[in-house]
Amino acid sequence: MLVVFEIDTKDQERAALLLCALTELLVPEASRSLKKASVPPLYKSGVKYEKQNPRACAFRMPPDVLKRKAGDCKQLVLWRMAELANAGEKATPRVIWLNNKTGLQAHILLRRADGNLEDPSVILGMKGRR
């Protein structure tokens, strides 16, 4: 399943709210897809971070990301949040803004139930954000 949205990032507050809401909305479906397709844990799957077009807002379900062997920050956070939900933990998405050559770009990570931030993109190979 591929879900694509167009989000105007000029209004950073609105864009962040939309990205977080869309992520949370898709977690139940991603959780079901993990169970149905017997997908391995994200960090043991061999999947790597892959930068995508900063204007693209495409969410892929974990089995699709696994097939492609790569995902962007949205796809990796969705997978990880679904994984945690299946284990009984409620994580929440967080958006930060990164400066790149073309201006500010949204980057999504997650806050674990214990309050710690986790960035699957960095764990799976994203450079320049540690």
N, C-alpha and C. Protein backbone atom coordinates (compact mmCIF):
# COMPACT_ATOMS: atom_id res chain seq x y z
N MET A 1 0.84 -1.17 0.00
CA MET A 1 0.00 0.00 0.00
C MET A 1 0.89 1.24 0.00
N LEU A 2 0.59 2.16 -0.88
CA LEU A 2 1.31 3.42 -0.99
C LEU A 2 0.31 4.54 -0.80
N VAL A 3 0.60 5.45 0.14
CA VAL A 3 -0.27 6.59 0.40
C VAL A 3 0.56 7.84 0.13
N VAL A 4 0.06 8.69 -0.78
CA VAL A 4 0.81 9.88 -1.17
C VAL A 4 -0.03 11.13 -0.89
N PHE A 5 0.61 12.11 -0.26
CA PHE A 5 -0.04 13.38 0.04
C PHE A 5 0.85 14.51 -0.42
N GLU A 6 0.25 15.64 -0.72
CA GLU A 6 1.02 16.84 -1.00
C GLU A 6 0.84 17.77 0.19
N ILE A 7 1.94 18.13 0.82
CA ILE A 7 1.90 19.01 1.99
C ILE A 7 2.78 20.21 1.71
N ASP A 8 2.20 21.39 1.88
CA ASP A 8 2.95 22.64 1.70
C ASP A 8 3.80 22.86 2.94
N THR A 9 5.11 22.81 2.79
CA THR A 9 6.01 22.94 3.94
C THR A 9 6.36 24.39 4.27
N LYS A 10 5.78 25.33 3.54
CA LYS A 10 6.04 26.74 3.85
C LYS A 10 5.48 27.09 5.22
N ASP A 11 4.35 26.51 5.57
CA ASP A 11 3.77 26.68 6.90
C ASP A 11 4.25 25.51 7.75
N GLN A 12 5.38 25.70 8.42
CA GLN A 12 6.03 24.60 9.12
C GLN A 12 5.16 23.99 10.21
N GLU A 13 4.46 24.81 10.96
CA GLU A 13 3.64 24.28 12.04
C GLU A 13 2.52 23.38 11.50
N ARG A 14 1.84 23.85 10.46
CA ARG A 14 0.77 23.07 9.85
C ARG A 14 1.32 21.79 9.21
N ALA A 15 2.45 21.90 8.52
CA ALA A 15 3.05 20.74 7.87
C ALA A 15 3.43 19.68 8.91
N ALA A 16 4.01 20.12 10.03
CA ALA A 16 4.40 19.18 11.08
C ALA A 16 3.18 18.48 11.67
N LEU A 17 2.12 19.25 11.91
CA LEU A 17 0.88 18.66 12.45
C LEU A 17 0.31 17.62 11.49
N LEU A 18 0.29 17.96 10.20
CA LEU A 18 -0.23 17.02 9.19
C LEU A 18 0.61 15.75 9.10
N LEU A 19 1.93 15.89 9.08
CA LEU A 19 2.81 14.72 9.01
C LEU A 19 2.60 13.80 10.22
N CYS A 20 2.51 14.40 11.39
CA CYS A 20 2.31 13.59 12.60
C CYS A 20 0.94 12.91 12.58
N ALA A 21 -0.10 13.65 12.19
CA ALA A 21 -1.45 13.09 12.14
C ALA A 21 -1.53 11.95 11.13
N LEU A 22 -0.95 12.14 9.96
CA LEU A 22 -0.96 11.09 8.94
C LEU A 22 -0.23 9.84 9.42
N THR A 23 0.90 10.05 10.06
CA THR A 23 1.67 8.91 10.58
C THR A 23 0.84 8.14 11.59
N GLU A 24 0.25 8.85 12.55
CA GLU A 24 -0.54 8.17 13.58
C GLU A 24 -1.76 7.48 12.99
N LEU A 25 -2.36 8.08 11.98
CA LEU A 25 -3.51 7.50 11.32
C LEU A 25 -3.16 6.17 10.64
N LEU A 26 -1.94 6.06 10.13
CA LEU A 26 -1.52 4.86 9.39
C LEU A 26 -0.94 3.76 10.27
N VAL A 27 -0.65 4.05 11.53
CA VAL A 27 -0.03 3.03 12.41
C VAL A 27 -0.87 1.76 12.52
N PRO A 28 -2.19 1.82 12.74
CA PRO A 28 -2.95 0.57 12.85
C PRO A 28 -2.84 -0.32 11.59
N GLU A 29 -2.88 0.29 10.41
CA GLU A 29 -2.75 -0.49 9.18
C GLU A 29 -1.34 -1.08 9.06
N ALA A 30 -0.34 -0.28 9.43
CA ALA A 30 1.05 -0.78 9.39
C ALA A 30 1.23 -1.91 10.40
N SER A 31 0.60 -1.80 11.55
CA SER A 31 0.67 -2.87 12.56
C SER A 31 0.08 -4.17 12.03
N ARG A 32 -1.07 -4.05 11.37
CA ARG A 32 -1.69 -5.25 10.77
C ARG A 32 -0.79 -5.84 9.69
N SER A 33 -0.18 -4.96 8.89
CA SER A 33 0.67 -5.47 7.80
C SER A 33 1.89 -6.20 8.33
N LEU A 34 2.41 -5.77 9.47
CA LEU A 34 3.55 -6.46 10.07
C LEU A 34 3.17 -7.89 10.47
N LYS A 35 2.01 -8.02 11.07
CA LYS A 35 1.54 -9.34 11.51
C LYS A 35 1.21 -10.25 10.33
N LYS A 36 0.51 -9.68 9.35
CA LYS A 36 0.05 -10.46 8.21
C LYS A 36 1.20 -10.98 7.34
N ALA A 37 2.21 -10.16 7.14
CA ALA A 37 3.29 -10.51 6.23
C ALA A 37 4.51 -11.10 6.92
N SER A 38 4.45 -11.32 8.23
CA SER A 38 5.59 -11.85 8.98
C SER A 38 6.88 -11.07 8.67
N VAL A 39 6.79 -9.76 8.84
CA VAL A 39 7.92 -8.87 8.58
C VAL A 39 8.87 -8.89 9.78
N PRO A 40 10.18 -8.97 9.55
CA PRO A 40 11.13 -8.97 10.68
C PRO A 40 11.18 -7.61 11.37
N PRO A 41 11.77 -7.54 12.55
CA PRO A 41 11.95 -6.25 13.22
C PRO A 41 12.74 -5.29 12.31
N LEU A 42 12.39 -4.02 12.35
CA LEU A 42 13.00 -3.03 11.47
C LEU A 42 14.53 -3.08 11.53
N TYR A 43 15.09 -3.06 12.73
CA TYR A 43 16.54 -2.95 12.86
C TYR A 43 17.28 -4.25 12.52
N LYS A 44 16.52 -5.34 12.28
CA LYS A 44 17.14 -6.60 11.87
C LYS A 44 16.74 -6.98 10.43
N SER A 45 16.08 -6.05 9.74
CA SER A 45 15.51 -6.36 8.43
C SER A 45 16.47 -6.18 7.26
N GLY A 46 17.58 -5.47 7.47
CA GLY A 46 18.48 -5.16 6.37
C GLY A 46 18.08 -3.91 5.60
N VAL A 47 16.99 -3.27 6.00
CA VAL A 47 16.52 -2.04 5.35
C VAL A 47 17.44 -0.90 5.74
N LYS A 48 17.68 0.00 4.80
CA LYS A 48 18.53 1.17 5.03
C LYS A 48 17.73 2.45 4.80
N TYR A 49 18.22 3.52 5.38
CA TYR A 49 17.64 4.84 5.12
C TYR A 49 17.97 5.26 3.70
N GLU A 50 16.98 5.84 3.02
CA GLU A 50 17.17 6.36 1.67
C GLU A 50 16.48 7.72 1.60
N LYS A 51 17.25 8.74 1.27
CA LYS A 51 16.68 10.08 1.14
C LYS A 51 15.75 10.10 -0.07
N GLN A 52 14.59 10.72 0.12
CA GLN A 52 13.66 10.86 -0.99
C GLN A 52 13.41 12.33 -1.26
N ASN A 53 12.74 12.61 -2.33
CA ASN A 53 12.42 13.97 -2.71
C ASN A 53 11.80 14.70 -1.52
N PRO A 54 12.37 15.85 -1.13
CA PRO A 54 11.85 16.57 0.03
C PRO A 54 10.40 17.03 -0.13
N ARG A 55 9.92 17.13 -1.34
CA ARG A 55 8.53 17.54 -1.57
C ARG A 55 7.57 16.34 -1.57
N ALA A 56 8.11 15.14 -1.62
CA ALA A 56 7.27 13.94 -1.66
C ALA A 56 6.82 13.58 -0.25
N CYS A 57 5.57 13.27 -0.12
CA CYS A 57 5.04 12.79 1.15
C CYS A 57 4.39 11.45 0.86
N ALA A 58 5.23 10.43 0.74
CA ALA A 58 4.75 9.09 0.41
C ALA A 58 4.97 8.16 1.59
N PHE A 59 3.92 7.54 2.03
CA PHE A 59 4.00 6.54 3.09
C PHE A 59 3.84 5.16 2.46
N ARG A 60 4.75 4.27 2.76
CA ARG A 60 4.67 2.87 2.32
C ARG A 60 4.54 1.99 3.56
N MET A 61 3.79 0.92 3.42
CA MET A 61 3.65 -0.03 4.52
C MET A 61 4.94 -0.84 4.65
N PRO A 62 5.23 -1.34 5.85
CA PRO A 62 6.48 -2.06 6.09
C PRO A 62 6.81 -3.17 5.08
N PRO A 63 5.85 -4.02 4.65
CA PRO A 63 6.23 -5.04 3.66
C PRO A 63 6.76 -4.44 2.35
N ASP A 64 6.22 -3.29 1.94
CA ASP A 64 6.69 -2.63 0.73
C ASP A 64 8.10 -2.05 0.93
N VAL A 65 8.33 -1.48 2.11
CA VAL A 65 9.66 -0.94 2.42
C VAL A 65 10.68 -2.08 2.45
N LEU A 66 10.29 -3.20 3.04
CA LEU A 66 11.18 -4.38 3.10
C LEU A 66 11.53 -4.86 1.69
N LYS A 67 10.54 -4.91 0.80
CA LYS A 67 10.79 -5.32 -0.58
C LYS A 67 11.80 -4.41 -1.26
N ARG A 68 11.68 -3.11 -1.01
CA ARG A 68 12.56 -2.12 -1.63
C ARG A 68 13.92 -2.06 -0.92
N LYS A 69 14.01 -2.63 0.29
CA LYS A 69 15.23 -2.63 1.11
C LYS A 69 15.66 -1.22 1.52
N ALA A 70 14.76 -0.25 1.42
CA ALA A 70 15.09 1.13 1.80
C ALA A 70 13.80 1.91 2.04
N GLY A 71 13.92 2.92 2.90
CA GLY A 71 12.78 3.80 3.15
C GLY A 71 13.26 5.15 3.64
N ASP A 72 12.40 6.15 3.49
CA ASP A 72 12.75 7.47 3.99
C ASP A 72 12.29 7.58 5.45
N CYS A 73 12.47 8.75 6.03
CA CYS A 73 12.18 8.92 7.45
C CYS A 73 10.72 8.58 7.79
N LYS A 74 9.77 8.99 6.95
CA LYS A 74 8.36 8.72 7.23
C LYS A 74 8.08 7.22 7.25
N GLN A 75 8.62 6.53 6.28
CA GLN A 75 8.37 5.09 6.17
C GLN A 75 9.02 4.31 7.31
N LEU A 76 10.22 4.72 7.70
CA LEU A 76 10.92 4.03 8.79
C LEU A 76 10.25 4.29 10.13
N VAL A 77 9.81 5.53 10.36
CA VAL A 77 9.11 5.85 11.61
C VAL A 77 7.78 5.11 11.68
N LEU A 78 7.06 5.05 10.57
CA LEU A 78 5.79 4.32 10.55
C LEU A 78 6.01 2.86 10.92
N TRP A 79 7.01 2.23 10.32
CA TRP A 79 7.32 0.82 10.62
C TRP A 79 7.66 0.66 12.10
N ARG A 80 8.53 1.52 12.61
CA ARG A 80 8.96 1.39 14.01
C ARG A 80 7.80 1.63 14.97
N MET A 81 6.96 2.63 14.69
CA MET A 81 5.81 2.88 15.56
C MET A 81 4.84 1.70 15.55
N ALA A 82 4.65 1.09 14.39
CA ALA A 82 3.77 -0.08 14.29
C ALA A 82 4.34 -1.25 15.08
N GLU A 83 5.64 -1.43 14.96
CA GLU A 83 6.33 -2.49 15.71
C GLU A 83 6.15 -2.29 17.22
N LEU A 84 6.35 -1.07 17.67
CA LEU A 84 6.19 -0.77 19.09
C LEU A 84 4.74 -0.93 19.53
N ALA A 85 3.80 -0.51 18.68
CA ALA A 85 2.38 -0.68 19.00
C ALA A 85 2.03 -2.15 19.18
N ASN A 86 2.58 -3.00 18.31
CA ASN A 86 2.33 -4.44 18.43
C ASN A 86 2.91 -5.03 19.71
N ALA A 87 3.93 -4.35 20.26
CA ALA A 87 4.53 -4.79 21.52
C ALA A 87 3.87 -4.11 22.73
N GLY A 88 2.84 -3.29 22.47
CA GLY A 88 2.10 -2.65 23.55
C GLY A 88 2.62 -1.27 23.95
N GLU A 89 3.52 -0.70 23.18
CA GLU A 89 4.08 0.61 23.51
C GLU A 89 3.53 1.68 22.56
N LYS A 90 3.06 2.77 23.12
CA LYS A 90 2.56 3.89 22.32
C LYS A 90 3.68 4.91 22.13
N ALA A 91 4.17 5.01 20.91
CA ALA A 91 5.16 6.03 20.55
C ALA A 91 4.44 7.11 19.75
N THR A 92 5.01 8.31 19.74
CA THR A 92 4.41 9.41 19.00
C THR A 92 5.42 10.00 18.03
N PRO A 93 4.95 10.45 16.86
CA PRO A 93 5.87 11.05 15.89
C PRO A 93 6.23 12.48 16.28
N ARG A 94 7.41 12.90 15.89
CA ARG A 94 7.89 14.27 16.10
C ARG A 94 8.54 14.75 14.82
N VAL A 95 8.32 16.00 14.47
CA VAL A 95 8.93 16.58 13.27
C VAL A 95 9.95 17.63 13.70
N ILE A 96 11.12 17.57 13.08
CA ILE A 96 12.12 18.61 13.24
C ILE A 96 12.41 19.16 11.84
N TRP A 97 13.01 20.32 11.78
CA TRP A 97 13.31 20.96 10.49
C TRP A 97 14.81 21.01 10.31
N LEU A 98 15.27 20.46 9.20
CA LEU A 98 16.70 20.42 8.89
C LEU A 98 16.99 21.37 7.74
N ASN A 99 18.11 22.07 7.84
CA ASN A 99 18.57 22.93 6.75
C ASN A 99 19.30 22.09 5.72
N ASN A 100 18.92 22.23 4.46
CA ASN A 100 19.69 21.60 3.40
C ASN A 100 19.91 22.63 2.29
N LYS A 101 20.46 22.22 1.18
CA LYS A 101 20.81 23.16 0.10
C LYS A 101 19.61 23.91 -0.46
N THR A 102 18.44 23.30 -0.38
CA THR A 102 17.25 23.94 -0.94
C THR A 102 16.38 24.61 0.12
N GLY A 103 16.86 24.67 1.34
CA GLY A 103 16.08 25.29 2.41
C GLY A 103 15.75 24.30 3.51
N LEU A 104 14.70 24.60 4.25
CA LEU A 104 14.30 23.73 5.35
C LEU A 104 13.55 22.51 4.83
N GLN A 105 13.82 21.38 5.47
CA GLN A 105 13.16 20.12 5.10
C GLN A 105 12.65 19.45 6.37
N ALA A 106 11.44 18.94 6.33
CA ALA A 106 10.87 18.23 7.47
C ALA A 106 11.57 16.88 7.62
N HIS A 107 11.83 16.52 8.87
CA HIS A 107 12.38 15.20 9.18
C HIS A 107 11.57 14.66 10.36
N ILE A 108 11.13 13.41 10.24
CA ILE A 108 10.28 12.83 11.28
C ILE A 108 11.04 11.76 12.05
N LEU A 109 10.85 11.77 13.36
CA LEU A 109 11.41 10.77 14.25
C LEU A 109 10.32 10.43 15.26
N LEU A 110 10.63 9.66 16.29
CA LEU A 110 9.58 9.29 17.24
C LEU A 110 10.03 9.46 18.67
N ARG A 111 9.02 9.69 19.52
CA ARG A 111 9.25 9.76 20.96
C ARG A 111 8.68 8.48 21.56
N ARG A 112 9.55 7.76 22.26
CA ARG A 112 9.15 6.51 22.91
C ARG A 112 8.30 6.82 24.15
N ALA A 113 7.64 5.83 24.67
CA ALA A 113 6.77 5.99 25.84
C ALA A 113 7.54 6.50 27.05
N ASP A 114 8.84 6.20 27.12
CA ASP A 114 9.65 6.67 28.26
C ASP A 114 10.15 8.10 28.06
N GLY A 115 9.77 8.74 26.96
CA GLY A 115 10.16 10.13 26.70
C GLY A 115 11.40 10.29 25.84
N ASN A 116 12.13 9.21 25.61
CA ASN A 116 13.35 9.30 24.79
C ASN A 116 12.99 9.42 23.31
N LEU A 117 13.81 10.18 22.59
CA LEU A 117 13.65 10.29 21.14
C LEU A 117 14.43 9.17 20.45
N GLU A 118 13.87 8.65 19.37
CA GLU A 118 14.52 7.60 18.58
C GLU A 118 14.42 8.01 17.11
N ASP A 119 15.53 7.93 16.40
CA ASP A 119 15.54 8.31 14.99
C ASP A 119 15.96 7.12 14.14
N PRO A 120 14.98 6.35 13.63
CA PRO A 120 15.31 5.19 12.81
C PRO A 120 16.17 5.53 11.59
N SER A 121 16.00 6.72 11.05
CA SER A 121 16.79 7.12 9.87
C SER A 121 18.28 7.15 10.19
N VAL A 122 18.62 7.73 11.32
CA VAL A 122 20.03 7.80 11.74
C VAL A 122 20.55 6.39 12.04
N ILE A 123 19.75 5.61 12.75
CA ILE A 123 20.16 4.24 13.09
C ILE A 123 20.41 3.43 11.83
N LEU A 124 19.65 3.72 10.77
CA LEU A 124 19.76 2.94 9.52
C LEU A 124 20.53 3.65 8.42
N GLY A 125 21.37 4.60 8.79
CA GLY A 125 22.34 5.12 7.83
C GLY A 125 22.26 6.57 7.40
N MET A 126 21.32 7.34 7.93
CA MET A 126 21.26 8.76 7.54
C MET A 126 22.50 9.48 8.04
N LYS A 127 23.11 10.24 7.15
CA LYS A 127 24.33 10.98 7.49
C LYS A 127 23.99 12.42 7.86
N GLY A 128 24.84 13.02 8.68
CA GLY A 128 24.72 14.43 8.96
C GLY A 128 23.74 14.81 10.05
N ARG A 129 23.14 13.85 10.75
CA ARG A 129 22.24 14.17 11.85
C ARG A 129 22.50 13.21 13.00
N ARG A 130 23.33 13.63 13.88
CA ARG A 130 23.65 12.79 15.07
C ARG A 130 23.47 13.58 16.32
